[in-house]
Amino acid sequence: MKGIRILVAEDEDKLREIILKYLKKEGYEGFSAANGEEALDLWAEKQPDCIILDVTMPIMDGFEVLEEIRETDNVPVIMLTARREENDKIQGFEVGADDYVTKPFSPRELMVRIKALLKRSGVTTAVTDLKVCGISLKPGDRLMTIKGKEISLTQKEYEVLLFFVNHQKMVLSREQMLDRIWGFDYEGDMRVVDTTIKRLRKKMEEKGECIQTVRGVGYKFQE
């Protein structure tokens, strides 16, 4: 888990420090923000691998922060809230939250949820560079290198590419990818798979040919 960066956006000083302490204990690199504006600044600067995001924060609340992040990034996000109303959780998921933890909660439970979310997102499945099809993939940094050129990936682009690399030469259906990467409870349009792959191919330039379309079924990754 070395090098995994986690942003903690929480306006309660004591709780924020407790979470950071547990993150350090687990081997993560944690950094924090006390309001929504700081959270967005740190997200842009640090490009974290996961975000712990409180709903009720000064300046901008968690929903507003996440909505802006989701315009360009699919980084895994766990929302924290003292609210128990179902509508609040629904709103969180609608704007792109991956998980939801209601206060008060056990820090150990939060660590378990973080580990599960990172594993589900593919963040912890590789710690060294992967080289395949003329591509060097740096999982910890969500970077791929092609002919010496470093190309930044969004969280979902990275998850899709890593899923392909781990299942080379296998034909993968859109349903499989949707369930594995977006989650079984994802209720959006299945075309999100094709859209993400289209963006990924564009970033890969000529190496985009490694992602082959299997008509009527899905996709396959091979040189």
C-alpha atoms as a PDB file:
ATOM      1  CA  MET A   1       0.000   0.000   0.000  1.00  0.00           C
ATOM      2  CA  LYS A   2       3.064   2.202  -0.138  1.00  0.00           C
ATOM      3  CA  GLY A   3       2.482   5.480  -1.902  1.00  0.00           C
ATOM      4  CA  ILE A   4      -1.318   5.412  -1.793  1.00  0.00           C
ATOM      5  CA  ARG A   5      -2.519   8.963  -1.103  1.00  0.00           C
ATOM      6  CA  ILE A   6      -5.779   9.645   0.713  1.00  0.00           C
ATOM      7  CA  LEU A   7      -7.416  13.049   1.144  1.00  0.00           C
ATOM      8  CA  VAL A   8      -9.457  13.556   4.315  1.00  0.00           C
ATOM      9  CA  ALA A   9     -11.914  16.458   3.995  1.00  0.00           C
ATOM     10  CA  GLU A  10     -13.503  16.926   7.429  1.00  0.00           C
ATOM     11  CA  ASP A  11     -14.210  20.110   9.394  1.00  0.00           C
ATOM     12  CA  GLU A  12     -14.066  18.485  12.849  1.00  0.00           C
ATOM     13  CA  ASP A  13     -10.433  18.854  13.923  1.00  0.00           C
ATOM     14  CA  LYS A  14     -10.399  15.949  16.373  1.00  0.00           C
ATOM     15  CA  LEU A  15     -12.056  13.497  13.992  1.00  0.00           C
ATOM     16  CA  ARG A  16      -9.800  14.588  11.156  1.00  0.00           C
ATOM     17  CA  GLU A  17      -6.697  13.927  13.254  1.00  0.00           C
ATOM     18  CA  ILE A  18      -7.987  10.520  14.347  1.00  0.00           C
ATOM     19  CA  ILE A  19      -8.590   9.468  10.744  1.00  0.00           C
ATOM     20  CA  LEU A  20      -5.132  10.685   9.696  1.00  0.00           C
ATOM     21  CA  LYS A  21      -3.577   8.752  12.578  1.00  0.00           C
ATOM     22  CA  TYR A  22      -5.266   5.527  11.516  1.00  0.00           C
ATOM     23  CA  LEU A  23      -4.333   6.091   7.872  1.00  0.00           C
ATOM     24  CA  LYS A  24      -0.675   6.465   8.847  1.00  0.00           C
ATOM     25  CA  LYS A  25      -0.883   3.320  10.947  1.00  0.00           C
ATOM     26  CA  GLU A  26      -2.195   1.427   7.921  1.00  0.00           C
ATOM     27  CA  GLY A  27       0.665   2.709   5.763  1.00  0.00           C
ATOM     28  CA  TYR A  28      -1.252   5.267   3.719  1.00  0.00           C
ATOM     29  CA  GLU A  29      -0.139   8.829   2.998  1.00  0.00           C
ATOM     30  CA  GLY A  30      -2.886  11.036   4.404  1.00  0.00           C
ATOM     31  CA  PHE A  31      -3.409  14.774   4.016  1.00  0.00           C
ATOM     32  CA  SER A  32      -6.373  16.856   5.083  1.00  0.00           C
ATOM     33  CA  ALA A  33      -8.684  19.773   4.398  1.00  0.00           C
ATOM     34  CA  ALA A  34     -11.012  21.569   6.823  1.00  0.00           C
ATOM     35  CA  ASN A  35     -13.472  22.931   4.249  1.00  0.00           C
ATOM     36  CA  GLY A  36     -14.740  22.265   0.742  1.00  0.00           C
ATOM     37  CA  GLU A  37     -12.555  24.856  -0.947  1.00  0.00           C
ATOM     38  CA  GLU A  38      -9.384  23.413   0.599  1.00  0.00           C
ATOM     39  CA  ALA A  39     -10.530  19.937  -0.415  1.00  0.00           C
ATOM     40  CA  LEU A  40     -10.809  20.937  -4.075  1.00  0.00           C
ATOM     41  CA  ASP A  41      -7.412  22.647  -4.009  1.00  0.00           C
ATOM     42  CA  LEU A  42      -5.728  19.572  -2.503  1.00  0.00           C
ATOM     43  CA  TRP A  43      -7.525  17.226  -4.874  1.00  0.00           C
ATOM     44  CA  ALA A  44      -6.217  19.207  -7.859  1.00  0.00           C
ATOM     45  CA  GLU A  45      -2.700  19.442  -6.425  1.00  0.00           C
ATOM     46  CA  LYS A  46      -2.204  15.947  -4.982  1.00  0.00           C
ATOM     47  CA  GLN A  47      -4.383  13.742  -7.226  1.00  0.00           C
ATOM     48  CA  PRO A  48      -5.273  11.392  -4.355  1.00  0.00           C
ATOM     49  CA  ASP A  49      -6.074   7.705  -4.838  1.00  0.00           C
ATOM     50  CA  CYS A  50      -9.072   7.966  -2.512  1.00  0.00           C
ATOM     51  CA  ILE A  51     -11.068  10.740  -0.810  1.00  0.00           C
ATOM     52  CA  ILE A  52     -12.833  10.702   2.553  1.00  0.00           C
ATOM     53  CA  LEU A  53     -15.389  13.483   2.183  1.00  0.00           C
ATOM     54  CA  ASP A  54     -17.585  14.961   4.912  1.00  0.00           C
ATOM     55  CA  VAL A  55     -21.006  16.149   3.781  1.00  0.00           C
ATOM     56  CA  THR A  56     -21.360  19.202   6.063  1.00  0.00           C
ATOM     57  CA  MET A  57     -18.327  21.451   5.577  1.00  0.00           C
ATOM     58  CA  PRO A  58     -17.871  25.239   5.448  1.00  0.00           C
ATOM     59  CA  ILE A  59     -17.678  27.207   2.185  1.00  0.00           C
ATOM     60  CA  MET A  60     -18.701  24.215   0.046  1.00  0.00           C
ATOM     61  CA  ASP A  61     -20.458  21.097   1.276  1.00  0.00           C
ATOM     62  CA  GLY A  62     -19.421  17.565   0.340  1.00  0.00           C
ATOM     63  CA  PHE A  63     -22.070  17.227  -2.366  1.00  0.00           C
ATOM     64  CA  GLU A  64     -20.826  20.367  -4.132  1.00  0.00           C
ATOM     65  CA  VAL A  65     -17.206  19.262  -3.860  1.00  0.00           C
ATOM     66  CA  LEU A  66     -17.919  15.791  -5.217  1.00  0.00           C
ATOM     67  CA  GLU A  67     -20.026  17.138  -8.070  1.00  0.00           C
ATOM     68  CA  GLU A  68     -17.097  19.266  -9.226  1.00  0.00           C
ATOM     69  CA  ILE A  69     -14.603  16.413  -8.847  1.00  0.00           C
ATOM     70  CA  ARG A  70     -16.800  14.058 -10.848  1.00  0.00           C
ATOM     71  CA  GLU A  71     -16.673  16.379 -13.847  1.00  0.00           C
ATOM     72  CA  THR A  72     -13.153  15.122 -14.575  1.00  0.00           C
ATOM     73  CA  ASP A  73     -12.174  12.415 -12.085  1.00  0.00           C
ATOM     74  CA  ASN A  74     -13.570   9.068 -10.905  1.00  0.00           C
ATOM     75  CA  VAL A  75     -11.346   8.778  -7.847  1.00  0.00           C
ATOM     76  CA  PRO A  76     -12.937   6.492  -5.182  1.00  0.00           C
ATOM     77  CA  VAL A  77     -14.894   8.556  -2.621  1.00  0.00           C
ATOM     78  CA  ILE A  78     -16.323   7.626   0.777  1.00  0.00           C
ATOM     79  CA  MET A  79     -18.725  10.210   2.209  1.00  0.00           C
ATOM     80  CA  LEU A  80     -19.053  10.897   5.939  1.00  0.00           C
ATOM     81  CA  THR A  81     -22.227  12.301   7.438  1.00  0.00           C
ATOM     82  CA  ALA A  82     -24.049  12.715  10.713  1.00  0.00           C
ATOM     83  CA  ARG A  83     -27.323  12.579   8.834  1.00  0.00           C
ATOM     84  CA  ARG A  84     -29.348   9.399   8.699  1.00  0.00           C
ATOM     85  CA  GLU A  85     -32.008  10.360   6.189  1.00  0.00           C
ATOM     86  CA  GLU A  86     -32.223   8.067   3.186  1.00  0.00           C
ATOM     87  CA  ASN A  87     -32.478  11.041   0.817  1.00  0.00           C
ATOM     88  CA  ASP A  88     -29.022  12.268   1.859  1.00  0.00           C
ATOM     89  CA  LYS A  89     -27.469   8.926   1.012  1.00  0.00           C
ATOM     90  CA  ILE A  90     -29.312   8.819  -2.295  1.00  0.00           C
ATOM     91  CA  GLN A  91     -28.042  12.305  -3.126  1.00  0.00           C
ATOM     92  CA  GLY A  92     -24.499  11.228  -2.293  1.00  0.00           C
ATOM     93  CA  PHE A  93     -24.670   8.234  -4.600  1.00  0.00           C
ATOM     94  CA  GLU A  94     -26.314  10.281  -7.336  1.00  0.00           C
ATOM     95  CA  VAL A  95     -23.435  12.759  -7.424  1.00  0.00           C
ATOM     96  CA  GLY A  96     -20.913   9.918  -7.514  1.00  0.00           C
ATOM     97  CA  ALA A  97     -20.079   8.628  -4.015  1.00  0.00           C
ATOM     98  CA  ASP A  98     -18.770   5.051  -3.891  1.00  0.00           C
ATOM     99  CA  ASP A  99     -19.564   4.398  -0.237  1.00  0.00           C
ATOM    100  CA  TYR A 100     -21.248   6.111   2.711  1.00  0.00           C
ATOM    101  CA  VAL A 101     -20.371   6.047   6.430  1.00  0.00           C
ATOM    102  CA  THR A 102     -22.705   7.525   9.038  1.00  0.00           C
ATOM    103  CA  LYS A 103     -21.311   9.219  12.157  1.00  0.00           C
ATOM    104  CA  PRO A 104     -20.512   8.139  14.779  1.00  0.00           C
ATOM    105  CA  PHE A 105     -18.408   5.340  13.325  1.00  0.00           C
ATOM    106  CA  SER A 106     -15.430   3.224  14.304  1.00  0.00           C
ATOM    107  CA  PRO A 107     -12.139   4.312  12.665  1.00  0.00           C
ATOM    108  CA  ARG A 108     -11.370   0.619  12.221  1.00  0.00           C
ATOM    109  CA  GLU A 109     -14.569   0.197  10.237  1.00  0.00           C
ATOM    110  CA  LEU A 110     -13.573   3.142   8.053  1.00  0.00           C
ATOM    111  CA  MET A 111     -10.154   1.552   7.388  1.00  0.00           C
ATOM    112  CA  VAL A 112     -11.848  -1.702   6.358  1.00  0.00           C
ATOM    113  CA  ARG A 113     -14.128   0.199   3.982  1.00  0.00           C
ATOM    114  CA  ILE A 114     -11.151   2.096   2.521  1.00  0.00           C
ATOM    115  CA  LYS A 115      -9.246  -1.133   1.884  1.00  0.00           C
ATOM    116  CA  ALA A 116     -12.282  -2.760   0.287  1.00  0.00           C
ATOM    117  CA  LEU A 117     -12.927   0.256  -1.946  1.00  0.00           C
ATOM    118  CA  LEU A 118      -9.284   0.498  -3.040  1.00  0.00           C
ATOM    119  CA  LYS A 119      -9.196  -3.214  -3.816  1.00  0.00           C
ATOM    120  CA  ARG A 120     -12.465  -2.988  -5.740  1.00  0.00           C
ATOM    121  CA  SER A 121     -11.076  -0.014  -7.657  1.00  0.00           C
ATOM    122  CA  GLY A 122      -7.865  -1.858  -8.501  1.00  0.00           C
ATOM    123  CA  VAL A 123      -5.640   0.625  -6.685  1.00  0.00           C
ATOM    124  CA  THR A 124      -3.940  -2.025  -4.541  1.00  0.00           C
ATOM    125  CA  THR A 125      -3.664  -4.794  -7.122  1.00  0.00           C
ATOM    126  CA  ALA A 126      -0.194  -3.766  -8.278  1.00  0.00           C
ATOM    127  CA  VAL A 127       2.731  -1.995  -6.655  1.00  0.00           C
ATOM    128  CA  THR A 128       5.280  -2.096  -9.479  1.00  0.00           C
ATOM    129  CA  ASP A 129       5.190  -0.831 -13.043  1.00  0.00           C
ATOM    130  CA  LEU A 130       3.387  -3.050 -15.533  1.00  0.00           C
ATOM    131  CA  LYS A 131       4.714  -3.261 -19.089  1.00  0.00           C
ATOM    132  CA  VAL A 132       2.554  -4.659 -21.866  1.00  0.00           C
ATOM    133  CA  CYS A 133       1.698  -3.768 -25.467  1.00  0.00           C
ATOM    134  CA  GLY A 134       4.353  -1.046 -25.492  1.00  0.00           C
ATOM    135  CA  ILE A 135       2.751   0.597 -22.471  1.00  0.00           C
ATOM    136  CA  SER A 136       4.292   1.118 -19.044  1.00  0.00           C
ATOM    137  CA  LEU A 137       1.602   1.514 -16.396  1.00  0.00           C
ATOM    138  CA  LYS A 138       2.326   3.085 -13.012  1.00  0.00           C
ATOM    139  CA  PRO A 139      -0.581   1.972 -10.813  1.00  0.00           C
ATOM    140  CA  GLY A 140       0.342   4.081  -7.801  1.00  0.00           C
ATOM    141  CA  ASP A 141       0.365   7.290  -9.844  1.00  0.00           C
ATOM    142  CA  ARG A 142      -2.383   6.467 -12.368  1.00  0.00           C
ATOM    143  CA  LEU A 143       0.120   7.185 -15.135  1.00  0.00           C
ATOM    144  CA  MET A 144       0.914   5.284 -18.311  1.00  0.00           C
ATOM    145  CA  THR A 145       4.055   5.884 -20.334  1.00  0.00           C
ATOM    146  CA  ILE A 146       4.208   5.395 -24.093  1.00  0.00           C
ATOM    147  CA  LYS A 147       7.517   6.023 -25.880  1.00  0.00           C
ATOM    148  CA  GLY A 148       8.759   8.044 -22.923  1.00  0.00           C
ATOM    149  CA  LYS A 149       5.646  10.215 -22.767  1.00  0.00           C
ATOM    150  CA  GLU A 150       3.750  10.176 -19.472  1.00  0.00           C
ATOM    151  CA  ILE A 151      -0.036  10.296 -19.797  1.00  0.00           C
ATOM    152  CA  SER A 152      -2.326  10.926 -16.833  1.00  0.00           C
ATOM    153  CA  LEU A 153      -5.407   8.723 -16.451  1.00  0.00           C
ATOM    154  CA  THR A 154      -8.635   9.316 -14.588  1.00  0.00           C
ATOM    155  CA  GLN A 155      -9.475   6.754 -11.912  1.00  0.00           C
ATOM    156  CA  LYS A 156     -11.959   4.890 -14.137  1.00  0.00           C
ATOM    157  CA  GLU A 157      -9.630   4.934 -17.169  1.00  0.00           C
ATOM    158  CA  TYR A 158      -6.931   3.463 -14.958  1.00  0.00           C
ATOM    159  CA  GLU A 159      -9.298   0.798 -13.577  1.00  0.00           C
ATOM    160  CA  VAL A 160     -10.394  -0.188 -17.084  1.00  0.00           C
ATOM    161  CA  LEU A 161      -6.822  -0.440 -18.376  1.00  0.00           C
ATOM    162  CA  LEU A 162      -5.669  -2.417 -15.333  1.00  0.00           C
ATOM    163  CA  PHE A 163      -8.657  -4.755 -15.725  1.00  0.00           C
ATOM    164  CA  PHE A 164      -7.661  -5.353 -19.349  1.00  0.00           C
ATOM    165  CA  VAL A 165      -4.017  -5.965 -18.416  1.00  0.00           C
ATOM    166  CA  ASN A 166      -5.030  -8.472 -15.743  1.00  0.00           C
ATOM    167  CA  HIS A 167      -7.296 -10.310 -18.204  1.00  0.00           C
ATOM    168  CA  GLN A 168      -5.239 -10.283 -21.395  1.00  0.00           C
ATOM    169  CA  LYS A 169      -6.640 -12.162 -24.401  1.00  0.00           C
ATOM    170  CA  MET A 170      -9.935 -12.750 -22.589  1.00  0.00           C
ATOM    171  CA  VAL A 171     -13.116 -11.434 -24.157  1.00  0.00           C
ATOM    172  CA  LEU A 172     -14.740  -9.149 -21.577  1.00  0.00           C
ATOM    173  CA  SER A 173     -18.377  -8.173 -21.859  1.00  0.00           C
ATOM    174  CA  ARG A 174     -19.658  -4.706 -21.081  1.00  0.00           C
ATOM    175  CA  GLU A 175     -21.687  -6.224 -18.252  1.00  0.00           C
ATOM    176  CA  GLN A 176     -18.558  -7.736 -16.685  1.00  0.00           C
ATOM    177  CA  MET A 177     -16.706  -4.442 -16.834  1.00  0.00           C
ATOM    178  CA  LEU A 178     -19.659  -2.471 -15.535  1.00  0.00           C
ATOM    179  CA  ASP A 179     -20.077  -4.795 -12.534  1.00  0.00           C
ATOM    180  CA  ARG A 180     -16.344  -4.994 -11.772  1.00  0.00           C
ATOM    181  CA  ILE A 181     -15.459  -1.315 -12.171  1.00  0.00           C
ATOM    182  CA  TRP A 182     -18.648   0.664 -11.596  1.00  0.00           C
ATOM    183  CA  GLY A 183     -20.196  -1.792  -9.127  1.00  0.00           C
ATOM    184  CA  PHE A 184     -23.221  -4.074  -9.104  1.00  0.00           C
ATOM    185  CA  ASP A 185     -25.475  -1.281  -7.853  1.00  0.00           C
ATOM    186  CA  TYR A 186     -24.584   1.116 -10.685  1.00  0.00           C
ATOM    187  CA  GLU A 187     -27.811   2.256 -12.313  1.00  0.00           C
ATOM    188  CA  GLY A 188     -26.462   4.499 -15.057  1.00  0.00           C
ATOM    189  CA  ASP A 189     -26.233   3.871 -18.800  1.00  0.00           C
ATOM    190  CA  MET A 190     -24.069   0.935 -19.900  1.00  0.00           C
ATOM    191  CA  ARG A 191     -22.622   3.202 -22.589  1.00  0.00           C
ATOM    192  CA  VAL A 192     -20.353   4.617 -19.878  1.00  0.00           C
ATOM    193  CA  VAL A 193     -18.100   1.596 -20.596  1.00  0.00           C
ATOM    194  CA  ASP A 194     -17.800   2.469 -24.299  1.00  0.00           C
ATOM    195  CA  THR A 195     -17.278   6.166 -23.515  1.00  0.00           C
ATOM    196  CA  THR A 196     -14.479   5.429 -21.040  1.00  0.00           C
ATOM    197  CA  ILE A 197     -12.769   3.035 -23.463  1.00  0.00           C
ATOM    198  CA  LYS A 198     -13.057   5.609 -26.261  1.00  0.00           C
ATOM    199  CA  ARG A 199     -11.257   8.187 -24.079  1.00  0.00           C
ATOM    200  CA  LEU A 200      -8.653   5.620 -23.076  1.00  0.00           C
ATOM    201  CA  ARG A 201      -7.954   4.616 -26.672  1.00  0.00           C
ATOM    202  CA  LYS A 202      -7.519   8.261 -27.619  1.00  0.00           C
ATOM    203  CA  LYS A 203      -4.944   8.749 -24.856  1.00  0.00           C
ATOM    204  CA  MET A 204      -3.140   5.549 -25.928  1.00  0.00           C
ATOM    205  CA  GLU A 205      -2.890   6.865 -29.511  1.00  0.00           C
ATOM    206  CA  GLU A 206      -1.558   4.081 -31.805  1.00  0.00           C
ATOM    207  CA  LYS A 207      -1.421   1.680 -28.863  1.00  0.00           C
ATOM    208  CA  GLY A 208      -5.189   2.010 -28.605  1.00  0.00           C
ATOM    209  CA  GLU A 209      -5.274  -0.850 -31.126  1.00  0.00           C
ATOM    210  CA  CYS A 210      -4.395  -3.162 -28.232  1.00  0.00           C
ATOM    211  CA  ILE A 211      -8.001  -2.751 -27.044  1.00  0.00           C
ATOM    212  CA  GLN A 212      -9.915  -4.732 -29.632  1.00  0.00           C
ATOM    213  CA  THR A 213     -13.664  -4.597 -30.097  1.00  0.00           C
ATOM    214  CA  VAL A 214     -15.362  -7.996 -30.204  1.00  0.00           C
ATOM    215  CA  ARG A 215     -18.535  -7.179 -32.089  1.00  0.00           C
ATOM    216  CA  GLY A 216     -21.719  -8.059 -30.240  1.00  0.00           C
ATOM    217  CA  VAL A 217     -19.842  -9.119 -27.095  1.00  0.00           C
ATOM    218  CA  GLY A 218     -17.432  -6.576 -25.679  1.00  0.00           C
ATOM    219  CA  TYR A 219     -13.660  -6.051 -25.752  1.00  0.00           C
ATOM    220  CA  LYS A 220     -10.364  -7.917 -25.672  1.00  0.00           C
ATOM    221  CA  PHE A 221      -6.871  -6.660 -24.812  1.00  0.00           C
ATOM    222  CA  GLN A 222      -3.850  -8.092 -26.596  1.00  0.00           C
ATOM    223  CA  GLU A 223      -0.850  -7.027 -28.646  1.00  0.00           C
END
